[in-house]
Amino acid sequence: MTEIIVPRQFRGPPITANGGYICGVLAKAVGGKGSAMLRSGVPLDTPVRLEADGAGGVSALGAEGQVLGVAKPASDEQIPTPPPSPGVEAARLAAAASPFASRSLHRGCFSCCIEREQGEGLGVHVGQLPGAEPGVCVGLWTPHANFAEADGTVPDEITWAALDCSGSMAWWIKTDSPVGLLGTMAGEVLEKPKAGETYVVMAWARENEGRKFFSGVALYDAAGKVVAQSGQIWIGRPPGAPAPAPLTSAAAG
């Protein structure tokens, strides 16, 4: 059994951990190529136990033993094959035109909030790729030196966080409506990103089944090589939940 504490810096919602970050922590505990399912928010600045299940999986347990999330090794089928990278310049232009370049998807979120300072948050956002199907979106990420380990590479949980919110953005851009919360994230880091280098983030809305919305998100180096990839399942708003304002209207305002 291992104990972890997620510092407040790595929040998603105001009082719980960023989904991609904690999925990365759980995936690391099962060997790196993992599939993590979130069942409840992981509290910040609070001890959380990681308990192996004896079959290659792990559970994150709260103070009273409640299961907050589980992970197991991922299969290839759970991680969609990424399309080719459009390149750094195309990603730069798409990101600049994104509604999330002027309005954070989630205020304060470690992954996507654009108000947080460089080196304190990631500020990753994507925009529609011109000429592609709706919901195929790209952006950029340059890992800050603050997140680098001694060899200059970035820990896997930071990379998983960088892949997180773009999958939701792709659906919002495709449908002009949010899809809710991250439920499951399967992925792997094929080559650790390096601080100071620029990477392309691509997210694509795949299909949906009822309240489940499936996304793929991948990270590419400047030469177009895939360095990290993931498949995500987002859980949509329950029936009867108030509809948010359209993205275009909110962004314009």
Protein backbone atom coordinates (compact mmCIF):
# COMPACT_ATOMS: atom_id res chain seq x y z
CA MET A 1 0.00 0.00 0.00
CA THR A 2 1.21 3.48 -0.89
CA GLU A 3 0.00 6.87 0.28
CA ILE A 4 -0.16 9.90 -2.01
CA ILE A 5 -1.10 13.53 -1.46
CA VAL A 6 -2.21 15.70 -4.39
CA PRO A 7 -1.13 19.32 -3.80
CA ARG A 8 -3.68 22.06 -4.49
CA GLN A 9 -1.65 23.18 -7.51
CA PHE A 10 -2.92 20.12 -9.36
CA ARG A 11 -6.63 20.78 -8.91
CA GLY A 12 -9.29 20.42 -11.55
CA PRO A 13 -12.48 21.40 -9.72
CA PRO A 14 -11.75 23.78 -6.82
CA ILE A 15 -11.44 21.10 -4.11
CA THR A 16 -10.48 17.93 -6.01
CA ALA A 17 -7.60 16.73 -8.17
CA ASN A 18 -7.37 17.28 -11.91
CA GLY A 19 -8.74 14.16 -13.60
CA GLY A 20 -5.90 13.67 -16.04
CA TYR A 21 -3.31 14.15 -13.31
CA ILE A 22 -4.81 11.55 -10.98
CA CYS A 23 -5.41 9.14 -13.88
CA GLY A 24 -1.71 9.49 -14.68
CA VAL A 25 -0.79 8.74 -11.07
CA LEU A 26 -2.98 5.62 -11.13
CA ALA A 27 -1.63 4.52 -14.52
CA LYS A 28 1.93 4.86 -13.26
CA ALA A 29 1.01 2.54 -10.39
CA VAL A 30 -0.02 -0.19 -12.87
CA GLY A 31 3.03 0.08 -15.11
CA GLY A 32 2.46 3.25 -17.14
CA LYS A 33 0.10 1.99 -19.86
CA GLY A 34 -3.10 2.09 -17.87
CA SER A 35 -6.84 2.62 -17.89
CA ALA A 36 -8.14 4.62 -14.94
CA MET A 37 -11.77 5.10 -13.96
CA LEU A 38 -12.73 7.94 -11.63
CA ARG A 39 -15.59 7.25 -9.22
CA SER A 40 -15.38 10.31 -7.02
CA GLY A 41 -13.27 13.43 -6.65
CA VAL A 42 -9.82 12.87 -5.17
CA PRO A 43 -9.34 15.43 -2.36
CA LEU A 44 -6.44 17.88 -2.33
CA ASP A 45 -3.74 18.12 0.33
CA THR A 46 -5.19 14.96 1.93
CA PRO A 47 -3.65 11.49 2.22
CA VAL A 48 -5.11 9.01 -0.28
CA ARG A 49 -4.15 5.33 -0.21
CA LEU A 50 -3.22 3.35 -3.31
CA GLU A 51 -3.96 -0.32 -2.75
CA ALA A 52 -3.01 -3.10 -5.18
CA ASP A 53 -5.71 -5.66 -5.91
CA GLY A 54 -3.36 -8.60 -6.51
CA ALA A 55 -4.35 -8.87 -10.18
CA GLY A 56 -2.30 -5.99 -11.61
CA GLY A 57 -4.79 -3.28 -10.70
CA VAL A 58 -4.85 -0.55 -8.08
CA SER A 59 -7.51 1.42 -6.19
CA ALA A 60 -7.37 4.91 -4.72
CA LEU A 61 -9.06 4.89 -1.31
CA GLY A 62 -10.34 7.81 0.72
CA ALA A 63 -10.03 8.34 4.46
CA GLU A 64 -12.97 6.05 5.20
CA GLY A 65 -11.93 3.39 2.72
CA GLN A 66 -14.26 4.54 -0.05
CA VAL A 67 -13.06 3.87 -3.60
CA LEU A 68 -12.26 7.13 -5.39
CA GLY A 69 -10.79 5.59 -8.53
CA VAL A 70 -9.43 2.36 -9.95
CA ALA A 71 -6.88 1.49 -12.62
CA LYS A 72 -5.65 -1.55 -14.48
CA PRO A 73 -3.26 -2.12 -17.38
CA ALA A 74 -4.75 -0.83 -20.64
CA SER A 75 -5.23 -2.81 -23.83
CA ASP A 76 -4.39 -1.46 -27.28
CA GLU A 77 -8.12 -1.37 -28.10
CA GLN A 78 -8.72 1.20 -25.36
CA ILE A 79 -6.31 3.71 -26.92
CA PRO A 80 -7.40 4.94 -30.37
CA THR A 81 -4.78 5.29 -33.11
CA PRO A 82 -3.97 9.00 -33.52
CA PRO A 83 -4.30 10.66 -36.92
CA PRO A 84 -1.25 12.38 -38.43
CA SER A 85 -0.11 15.60 -36.82
CA PRO A 86 -1.02 18.76 -38.77
CA GLY A 87 2.24 20.37 -37.67
CA VAL A 88 3.19 23.11 -35.25
CA GLU A 89 2.06 26.11 -37.30
CA ALA A 90 -1.39 24.70 -38.08
CA ALA A 91 -1.79 23.91 -34.39
CA ARG A 92 -0.68 27.40 -33.42
CA LEU A 93 -3.27 29.03 -35.69
CA ALA A 94 -6.07 26.74 -34.54
CA ALA A 95 -5.26 27.34 -30.87
CA ALA A 96 -5.24 31.11 -31.38
CA ALA A 97 -8.70 30.95 -32.99
CA SER A 98 -10.13 28.68 -30.28
CA PRO A 99 -12.89 30.05 -28.06
CA PHE A 100 -10.86 28.63 -25.18
CA ALA A 101 -8.00 31.03 -26.01
CA SER A 102 -10.06 33.78 -24.38
CA ARG A 103 -12.28 31.78 -22.04
CA SER A 104 -11.04 28.91 -19.88
CA LEU A 105 -12.99 25.68 -20.12
CA HIS A 106 -12.67 25.41 -16.32
CA ARG A 107 -11.47 28.37 -14.28
CA GLY A 108 -8.57 27.37 -12.03
CA CYS A 109 -8.03 23.95 -13.65
CA PHE A 110 -4.39 22.83 -13.72
CA SER A 111 -4.75 21.47 -17.25
CA CYS A 112 -6.69 24.12 -19.17
CA CYS A 113 -7.07 27.36 -17.22
CA ILE A 114 -5.47 30.16 -19.22
CA GLU A 115 -5.48 32.55 -16.24
CA ARG A 116 -2.92 30.52 -14.31
CA GLU A 117 0.70 31.56 -14.74
CA GLN A 118 3.13 29.61 -16.91
CA GLY A 119 4.95 27.10 -14.75
CA GLU A 120 2.07 27.02 -12.23
CA GLY A 121 -0.58 25.60 -14.59
CA LEU A 122 -0.46 24.15 -18.10
CA GLY A 123 -2.97 26.34 -19.96
CA VAL A 124 -3.51 23.74 -22.72
CA HIS A 125 -6.35 24.51 -25.13
CA VAL A 126 -7.26 23.40 -28.64
CA GLY A 127 -9.29 24.81 -31.53
CA GLN A 128 -10.98 23.41 -34.60
CA LEU A 129 -8.54 22.29 -37.31
CA PRO A 130 -9.61 24.01 -40.56
CA GLY A 131 -10.66 21.56 -43.24
CA ALA A 132 -11.11 18.69 -40.77
CA GLU A 133 -14.35 17.19 -39.52
CA PRO A 134 -16.03 19.15 -36.72
CA GLY A 135 -14.51 18.20 -33.39
CA VAL A 136 -11.00 17.53 -34.73
CA CYS A 137 -9.01 20.10 -32.77
CA VAL A 138 -5.37 21.02 -32.24
CA GLY A 139 -3.25 23.20 -30.02
CA LEU A 140 0.23 23.48 -28.53
CA TRP A 141 1.97 22.66 -25.28
CA THR A 142 5.46 23.68 -24.25
CA PRO A 143 6.29 22.02 -20.90
CA HIS A 144 7.70 24.52 -18.42
CA ALA A 145 11.00 23.92 -16.68
CA ASN A 146 9.18 24.02 -13.33
CA PHE A 147 7.74 20.59 -14.12
CA ALA A 148 10.97 18.98 -15.30
CA GLU A 149 12.84 16.25 -13.52
CA ALA A 150 16.65 16.21 -13.26
CA ASP A 151 17.04 14.91 -16.83
CA GLY A 152 14.79 17.62 -18.28
CA THR A 153 11.83 15.36 -18.96
CA VAL A 154 8.32 15.75 -17.59
CA PRO A 155 6.71 13.23 -15.18
CA ASP A 156 3.98 11.11 -16.74
CA GLU A 157 1.20 12.50 -14.54
CA ILE A 158 1.92 16.00 -15.88
CA THR A 159 1.72 14.71 -19.46
CA TRP A 160 -1.56 12.96 -18.68
CA ALA A 161 -2.88 16.26 -17.31
CA ALA A 162 -1.86 17.97 -20.55
CA LEU A 163 -3.99 15.44 -22.46
CA ASP A 164 -7.03 15.79 -20.21
CA CYS A 165 -9.34 18.71 -20.99
CA SER A 166 -8.77 18.85 -24.75
CA GLY A 167 -10.97 15.77 -25.16
CA SER A 168 -13.85 17.70 -23.61
CA MET A 169 -13.08 20.80 -25.69
CA ALA A 170 -13.33 18.76 -28.89
CA TRP A 171 -16.88 17.74 -28.02
CA TRP A 172 -17.89 21.23 -26.94
CA ILE A 173 -16.56 22.67 -30.21
CA LYS A 174 -18.34 19.93 -32.19
CA THR A 175 -21.72 20.26 -30.43
CA ASP A 176 -21.62 23.76 -28.90
CA SER A 177 -22.39 22.13 -25.55
CA PRO A 178 -20.25 20.70 -22.70
CA VAL A 179 -20.16 16.98 -22.07
CA GLY A 180 -19.61 16.92 -18.32
CA LEU A 181 -16.91 15.11 -16.35
CA LEU A 182 -14.02 12.79 -17.17
CA GLY A 183 -15.05 9.24 -16.32
CA THR A 184 -12.33 7.02 -17.79
CA MET A 185 -8.94 7.72 -19.33
CA ALA A 186 -6.72 5.07 -20.89
CA GLY A 187 -3.32 6.00 -22.21
CA GLU A 188 0.42 5.75 -22.29
CA VAL A 189 3.47 7.96 -22.58
CA LEU A 190 5.63 6.56 -25.36
CA GLU A 191 8.43 9.09 -24.98
CA LYS A 192 8.70 11.56 -22.13
CA PRO A 193 8.23 15.18 -23.27
CA LYS A 194 11.09 17.56 -22.58
CA ALA A 195 10.78 20.94 -20.93
CA GLY A 196 11.17 23.85 -23.35
CA GLU A 197 10.23 21.89 -26.47
CA THR A 198 6.97 22.55 -28.31
CA TYR A 199 4.46 19.76 -28.81
CA VAL A 200 1.23 19.51 -30.79
CA VAL A 201 -1.90 18.43 -28.93
CA MET A 202 -4.64 16.86 -31.06
CA ALA A 203 -8.09 15.96 -29.75
CA TRP A 204 -10.88 14.39 -31.74
CA ALA A 205 -14.49 13.67 -30.83
CA ARG A 206 -15.17 10.04 -31.73
CA GLU A 207 -18.68 8.78 -30.94
CA ASN A 208 -21.20 8.88 -28.14
CA GLU A 209 -23.47 6.31 -26.50
CA GLY A 210 -26.17 7.94 -24.42
CA ARG A 211 -24.38 10.05 -21.83
CA LYS A 212 -20.94 8.61 -22.73
CA PHE A 213 -18.81 10.73 -25.07
CA PHE A 214 -15.62 9.17 -26.44
CA SER A 215 -12.54 11.22 -27.32
CA GLY A 216 -9.01 10.60 -28.46
CA VAL A 217 -6.18 12.92 -27.46
CA ALA A 218 -2.55 12.62 -28.56
CA LEU A 219 0.70 14.52 -28.16
CA TYR A 220 3.22 14.87 -31.01
CA ASP A 221 6.73 16.27 -31.18
CA ALA A 222 7.64 18.94 -33.76
CA ALA A 223 8.54 16.24 -36.29
CA GLY A 224 5.10 14.64 -36.00
CA LYS A 225 6.05 11.65 -33.86
CA VAL A 226 3.43 10.51 -31.33
CA VAL A 227 4.90 10.76 -27.83
CA ALA A 228 1.73 10.19 -25.77
CA GLN A 229 -1.79 9.03 -26.55
CA SER A 230 -5.08 8.45 -24.79
CA GLY A 231 -8.68 7.39 -25.12
CA GLN A 232 -11.21 9.16 -22.91
CA ILE A 233 -14.83 8.68 -21.87
CA TRP A 234 -16.64 11.82 -20.73
CA ILE A 235 -19.92 11.55 -18.84
CA GLY A 236 -22.55 14.00 -20.05
CA ARG A 237 -24.94 16.05 -17.97
CA PRO A 238 -27.86 14.11 -16.49
CA PRO A 239 -31.31 14.57 -18.03
CA GLY A 240 -32.98 17.75 -16.84
CA ALA A 241 -29.74 19.53 -15.93
CA PRO A 242 -29.76 23.23 -16.88
CA ALA A 243 -28.28 23.84 -20.33
CA PRO A 244 -25.28 26.20 -20.34
CA ALA A 245 -25.05 29.26 -22.55
CA PRO A 246 -23.81 28.46 -26.08
CA LEU A 247 -20.04 28.51 -26.37
CA THR A 248 -20.00 31.07 -29.18
CA SER A 249 -22.16 33.52 -27.24
CA ALA A 250 -20.11 33.14 -24.07
CA ALA A 251 -16.85 33.53 -25.96
CA ALA A 252 -18.13 36.58 -27.79
CA GLY A 253 -19.21 38.11 -24.50
